[in-house]
Amino acid sequence: MKRFAGWTLAAPATALVLVFLVLPVLATIWTTFATPAGPFATYISFFGSGFRRTVLFRTIEISLTTTAIALVIGFLTAYVVSRSPGWLKSILIVAAVFPLLTGVVVRSFAWLIILGKNGILNSTLINLGLISEPFSMLYTQGAVVVAMVYLFVPLMILTLVGVLESIPDDLIQASASLGATPVSTFMQVTLPLAVPGLIVGAVLVFTGSFTSYATPQLLGGEQVMMMGTLMYQQAMVTFDWVAASTIAAVMVVITIAIVLVMTRVARRLNPMAV
């Protein structure tokens, strides 16, 4: 009866997920196979295009780079926050969450002001005498990565703070009392226990970066086109909905594959993590 009651309570939420999430995704994928040219014609056309392959590989590269940088910055920041006193911890968490109070487009426009030829960064470097003329930093892969890291590091910090706080201090002290160095304690105690948070944070950052549209469009433009901007172009500019659905299906499959790989890595690092 208890199990039946649990399924009954979960039924409305499950139905909403199926109707508004699962079925639209399945319908989108189905349109890519129901074409007169054959079930796999759209995918053959996609992977047969050098331009689209370049966009796909660029998107994966930028997403993985963003995830790796966000992991390092987020983990170090979360470690400091988790070891801070109560009053300071609250201030640091508020400071980490504060960027999330503004929209993605607003934060991306802020980087336009910072990285532009007449922007804050170029003006500062010129005033310091480090450069004689402004650099062209916008519409580059580096600009997109920097903005992506800024967008998603707060999510990584929030994910890791709770995990690091849950690690008992007794384990750290026991490791030190047994003669382990701080580095050994970090590698053999802290890091394995933080694996669940690292995986969740990495998945959030990767999926957010991989499917991002506004930031690559504003800071990358046509020169650094990603899958999200390519899909928008196919759907809203050329009105090729089948091609846009194919891009969406490829993104779904790659996202699921990356999540499975991250989960496998988590099991190897810590069998109890997942």
Protein backbone atom coordinates (compact mmCIF):
# COMPACT_ATOMS: atom_id res chain seq x y z
CA MET A 1 0.00 0.00 0.00
CA LYS A 2 2.83 2.40 0.85
CA ARG A 3 4.47 1.78 -2.51
CA PHE A 4 1.14 2.25 -4.30
CA ALA A 5 0.56 5.48 -2.38
CA GLY A 6 4.02 6.73 -3.40
CA TRP A 7 3.35 6.04 -7.08
CA THR A 8 -0.05 7.74 -6.77
CA LEU A 9 1.53 10.89 -5.33
CA ALA A 10 4.21 10.90 -8.03
CA ALA A 11 1.76 10.28 -10.89
CA PRO A 12 0.78 13.97 -11.54
CA ALA A 13 4.41 15.12 -11.68
CA THR A 14 5.35 12.14 -13.82
CA ALA A 15 2.51 12.88 -16.23
CA LEU A 16 3.58 16.52 -16.55
CA VAL A 17 7.17 15.48 -17.30
CA LEU A 18 5.99 13.00 -19.92
CA VAL A 19 3.61 15.43 -21.61
CA PHE A 20 5.75 18.58 -21.57
CA LEU A 21 9.27 17.13 -21.75
CA VAL A 22 9.57 13.54 -22.93
CA LEU A 23 6.90 13.53 -25.65
CA PRO A 24 8.07 16.79 -27.32
CA VAL A 25 11.65 15.48 -27.41
CA LEU A 26 10.51 12.15 -28.88
CA ALA A 27 8.34 13.96 -31.44
CA THR A 28 11.29 16.15 -32.43
CA ILE A 29 13.55 13.13 -32.88
CA TRP A 30 10.85 11.25 -34.80
CA THR A 31 10.62 14.00 -37.43
CA THR A 32 14.29 13.44 -38.27
CA PHE A 33 13.58 9.82 -39.29
CA ALA A 34 10.24 10.37 -41.06
CA THR A 35 11.69 11.90 -44.22
CA PRO A 36 11.12 10.82 -47.86
CA ALA A 37 14.87 10.43 -48.40
CA GLY A 38 15.15 7.71 -45.75
CA PRO A 39 15.32 7.37 -41.96
CA PHE A 40 19.01 8.33 -41.68
CA ALA A 41 19.25 10.83 -44.54
CA THR A 42 19.25 13.87 -42.28
CA TYR A 43 22.04 12.47 -40.10
CA ILE A 44 24.11 11.51 -43.13
CA SER A 45 23.66 15.06 -44.41
CA PHE A 46 24.62 16.52 -41.01
CA PHE A 47 27.81 14.52 -40.50
CA GLY A 48 28.66 14.78 -44.20
CA SER A 49 28.91 18.56 -43.90
CA GLY A 50 32.37 19.79 -42.93
CA PHE A 51 30.93 23.04 -41.58
CA ARG A 52 28.47 21.29 -39.28
CA ARG A 53 31.12 18.86 -38.04
CA THR A 54 33.33 21.85 -37.23
CA VAL A 55 30.51 23.50 -35.29
CA LEU A 56 29.86 20.26 -33.39
CA PHE A 57 33.50 19.70 -32.46
CA ARG A 58 33.89 23.36 -31.50
CA THR A 59 30.84 23.13 -29.24
CA ILE A 60 32.17 20.01 -27.53
CA GLU A 61 35.60 21.60 -27.10
CA ILE A 62 34.22 24.82 -25.63
CA SER A 63 31.85 22.92 -23.31
CA LEU A 64 34.58 20.59 -22.03
CA THR A 65 37.01 23.49 -21.55
CA THR A 66 34.38 25.48 -19.68
CA THR A 67 33.57 22.48 -17.50
CA ALA A 68 37.23 21.82 -16.65
CA ILE A 69 37.93 25.46 -15.72
CA ALA A 70 34.69 25.73 -13.74
CA LEU A 71 35.57 22.54 -11.85
CA VAL A 72 38.92 23.93 -10.72
CA ILE A 73 37.67 27.42 -9.82
CA GLY A 74 34.44 26.14 -8.30
CA PHE A 75 36.13 23.46 -6.21
CA LEU A 76 38.78 25.81 -4.78
CA THR A 77 36.18 28.48 -4.04
CA ALA A 78 33.74 26.00 -2.50
CA TYR A 79 36.51 24.54 -0.34
CA VAL A 80 37.35 27.99 1.04
CA VAL A 81 33.66 28.76 1.62
CA SER A 82 33.02 25.43 3.38
CA ARG A 83 35.96 26.03 5.76
CA SER A 84 35.03 29.65 6.57
CA PRO A 85 33.29 30.80 9.78
CA GLY A 86 29.51 31.02 9.76
CA TRP A 87 29.18 34.79 9.21
CA LEU A 88 31.84 34.87 6.51
CA LYS A 89 30.39 31.79 4.85
CA SER A 90 27.03 33.51 4.42
CA ILE A 91 28.65 36.55 2.84
CA LEU A 92 30.71 34.41 0.45
CA ILE A 93 27.68 32.37 -0.61
CA VAL A 94 25.69 35.52 -1.28
CA ALA A 95 28.60 36.88 -3.32
CA ALA A 96 28.72 33.63 -5.33
CA VAL A 97 24.96 33.61 -5.95
CA PHE A 98 24.68 37.32 -6.74
CA PRO A 99 25.47 36.99 -10.49
CA LEU A 100 22.54 34.57 -10.82
CA LEU A 101 20.16 37.41 -9.92
CA THR A 102 20.68 38.93 -13.38
CA GLY A 103 19.73 37.35 -16.70
CA VAL A 104 22.10 35.54 -19.03
CA VAL A 105 21.72 38.19 -21.72
CA VAL A 106 22.59 41.00 -19.29
CA ARG A 107 25.70 39.19 -18.08
CA SER A 108 26.75 38.47 -21.66
CA PHE A 109 26.33 42.13 -22.58
CA ALA A 110 28.56 43.00 -19.61
CA TRP A 111 31.34 40.96 -21.21
CA LEU A 112 30.81 42.90 -24.45
CA ILE A 113 31.65 46.05 -22.49
CA ILE A 114 34.64 44.42 -20.79
CA LEU A 115 36.20 42.73 -23.83
CA GLY A 116 35.38 45.25 -26.57
CA LYS A 117 38.13 47.17 -28.39
CA ASN A 118 37.11 50.28 -26.46
CA GLY A 119 36.16 48.23 -23.42
CA ILE A 120 37.35 48.23 -19.84
CA LEU A 121 40.10 45.62 -20.27
CA ASN A 122 41.71 47.19 -23.35
CA SER A 123 41.50 50.68 -21.83
CA THR A 124 43.17 49.47 -18.64
CA LEU A 125 46.00 47.74 -20.51
CA ILE A 126 46.60 50.83 -22.66
CA ASN A 127 46.62 53.14 -19.62
CA LEU A 128 49.14 50.86 -17.90
CA GLY A 129 51.35 50.98 -20.98
CA LEU A 130 51.23 47.23 -21.48
CA ILE A 131 49.88 47.50 -25.03
CA SER A 132 49.99 50.26 -27.62
CA GLU A 133 46.73 49.46 -29.41
CA PRO A 134 43.63 47.52 -28.36
CA PHE A 135 43.38 43.77 -28.82
CA SER A 136 40.49 42.18 -30.69
CA MET A 137 39.09 39.90 -28.00
CA LEU A 138 35.44 39.70 -29.01
CA TYR A 139 34.13 37.06 -31.40
CA THR A 140 36.82 34.60 -30.37
CA GLN A 141 36.64 31.19 -28.74
CA GLY A 142 38.43 32.55 -25.67
CA ALA A 143 35.78 35.22 -25.14
CA VAL A 144 33.02 32.60 -25.24
CA VAL A 145 34.87 30.35 -22.77
CA VAL A 146 35.50 33.22 -20.33
CA ALA A 147 31.85 34.27 -20.40
CA MET A 148 30.67 30.67 -20.04
CA VAL A 149 32.90 30.11 -17.01
CA TYR A 150 31.55 33.28 -15.43
CA LEU A 151 27.98 32.14 -16.08
CA PHE A 152 28.28 28.62 -14.67
CA VAL A 153 30.86 28.81 -11.86
CA PRO A 154 28.17 29.89 -9.34
CA LEU A 155 26.27 26.66 -10.05
CA MET A 156 29.44 24.67 -9.45
CA ILE A 157 30.13 26.49 -6.18
CA LEU A 158 26.61 25.97 -4.84
CA THR A 159 26.76 22.28 -5.76
CA LEU A 160 30.12 21.68 -4.08
CA VAL A 161 29.67 23.72 -0.90
CA GLY A 162 27.06 21.35 0.50
CA VAL A 163 29.13 18.28 -0.39
CA LEU A 164 32.33 19.64 1.17
CA GLU A 165 30.48 20.76 4.29
CA SER A 166 29.19 17.21 4.77
CA ILE A 167 32.74 15.77 4.98
CA PRO A 168 33.41 15.19 8.71
CA ASP A 169 36.37 17.07 10.14
CA ASP A 170 37.23 13.90 12.06
CA LEU A 171 38.30 12.22 8.82
CA ILE A 172 40.67 15.09 7.98
CA GLN A 173 42.12 15.06 11.48
CA ALA A 174 42.46 11.26 11.47
CA SER A 175 44.30 11.40 8.17
CA ALA A 176 46.71 14.02 9.53
CA SER A 177 47.24 12.07 12.77
CA LEU A 178 48.22 9.01 10.74
CA GLY A 179 51.01 10.96 9.08
CA ALA A 180 49.35 11.93 5.80
CA THR A 181 50.46 15.18 4.23
CA PRO A 182 47.85 17.82 3.33
CA VAL A 183 48.19 16.83 -0.33
CA SER A 184 47.69 13.14 0.47
CA THR A 185 44.69 13.96 2.65
CA PHE A 186 43.18 15.99 -0.17
CA MET A 187 43.78 13.30 -2.82
CA GLN A 188 42.74 10.29 -0.72
CA VAL A 189 40.03 11.71 1.54
CA THR A 190 38.57 15.03 0.40
CA LEU A 191 38.56 14.50 -3.36
CA PRO A 192 36.96 11.01 -3.41
CA LEU A 193 34.23 12.14 -0.99
CA ALA A 194 33.56 15.21 -3.14
CA VAL A 195 33.09 13.15 -6.32
CA PRO A 196 29.23 13.22 -6.21
CA GLY A 197 29.24 17.02 -6.11
CA LEU A 198 31.90 17.22 -8.80
CA ILE A 199 29.89 15.01 -11.14
CA VAL A 200 26.62 16.88 -10.55
CA GLY A 201 28.36 20.22 -11.04
CA ALA A 202 30.18 19.02 -14.16
CA VAL A 203 26.92 17.77 -15.68
CA LEU A 204 25.18 21.08 -14.97
CA VAL A 205 28.02 23.12 -16.46
CA PHE A 206 28.52 20.91 -19.50
CA THR A 207 24.85 20.69 -20.43
CA GLY A 208 24.40 24.42 -19.88
CA SER A 209 27.44 25.24 -22.02
CA PHE A 210 26.61 22.70 -24.71
CA THR A 211 23.06 24.01 -25.19
CA SER A 212 23.82 27.71 -24.67
CA TYR A 213 22.57 30.18 -27.26
CA ALA A 214 22.70 33.78 -26.02
CA THR A 215 26.34 33.88 -24.92
CA PRO A 216 27.84 32.30 -28.07
CA GLN A 217 25.62 34.48 -30.24
CA LEU A 218 26.66 37.72 -28.53
CA LEU A 219 30.34 37.00 -27.91
CA GLY A 220 31.10 34.50 -30.66
CA GLY A 221 28.91 35.57 -33.53
CA GLU A 222 29.29 33.84 -36.87
CA GLN A 223 33.02 33.29 -36.30
CA VAL A 224 32.51 31.05 -33.25
CA MET A 225 29.16 29.46 -34.04
CA MET A 226 28.00 26.73 -31.67
CA MET A 227 25.25 24.13 -31.92
CA GLY A 228 22.67 26.31 -30.19
CA THR A 229 23.19 29.20 -32.60
CA LEU A 230 23.30 26.83 -35.57
CA MET A 231 19.99 25.27 -34.53
CA TYR A 232 18.42 28.72 -34.14
CA GLN A 233 19.70 29.69 -37.58
CA GLN A 234 18.25 26.58 -39.19
CA ALA A 235 14.87 26.98 -37.47
CA MET A 236 14.31 30.75 -37.51
CA VAL A 237 16.36 32.00 -40.47
CA THR A 238 16.22 29.27 -43.10
CA PHE A 239 13.04 27.67 -41.64
CA ASP A 240 14.51 24.19 -42.10
CA TRP A 241 12.79 22.52 -39.15
CA VAL A 242 14.00 19.03 -40.05
CA ALA A 243 17.64 20.18 -39.99
CA ALA A 244 17.01 21.98 -36.69
CA SER A 245 15.42 18.82 -35.26
CA THR A 246 18.44 16.81 -36.39
CA ILE A 247 20.77 19.19 -34.58
CA ALA A 248 18.60 18.94 -31.47
CA ALA A 249 18.66 15.12 -31.63
CA VAL A 250 22.45 15.08 -31.99
CA MET A 251 22.75 17.40 -28.98
CA VAL A 252 20.50 15.17 -26.89
CA VAL A 253 22.48 12.02 -27.74
CA ILE A 254 25.86 13.65 -27.07
CA THR A 255 24.65 15.13 -23.78
CA ILE A 256 23.42 11.73 -22.59
CA ALA A 257 26.70 10.11 -23.69
CA ILE A 258 28.80 12.67 -21.79
CA VAL A 259 26.67 12.20 -18.66
CA LEU A 260 27.15 8.43 -18.85
CA VAL A 261 30.91 8.86 -19.26
CA MET A 262 31.05 11.20 -16.25
CA THR A 263 29.05 8.71 -14.20
CA ARG A 264 31.47 5.93 -15.13
CA VAL A 265 34.41 8.10 -14.13
CA ALA A 266 32.67 8.80 -10.82
CA ARG A 267 32.33 5.08 -10.13
CA ARG A 268 36.03 4.56 -10.78
CA LEU A 269 37.03 7.40 -8.47
CA ASN A 270 34.55 6.48 -5.75
CA PRO A 271 32.38 3.33 -6.09
CA MET A 272 30.02 4.70 -3.41
CA ALA A 273 29.57 8.02 -5.18
CA VAL A 274 26.74 6.97 -7.48
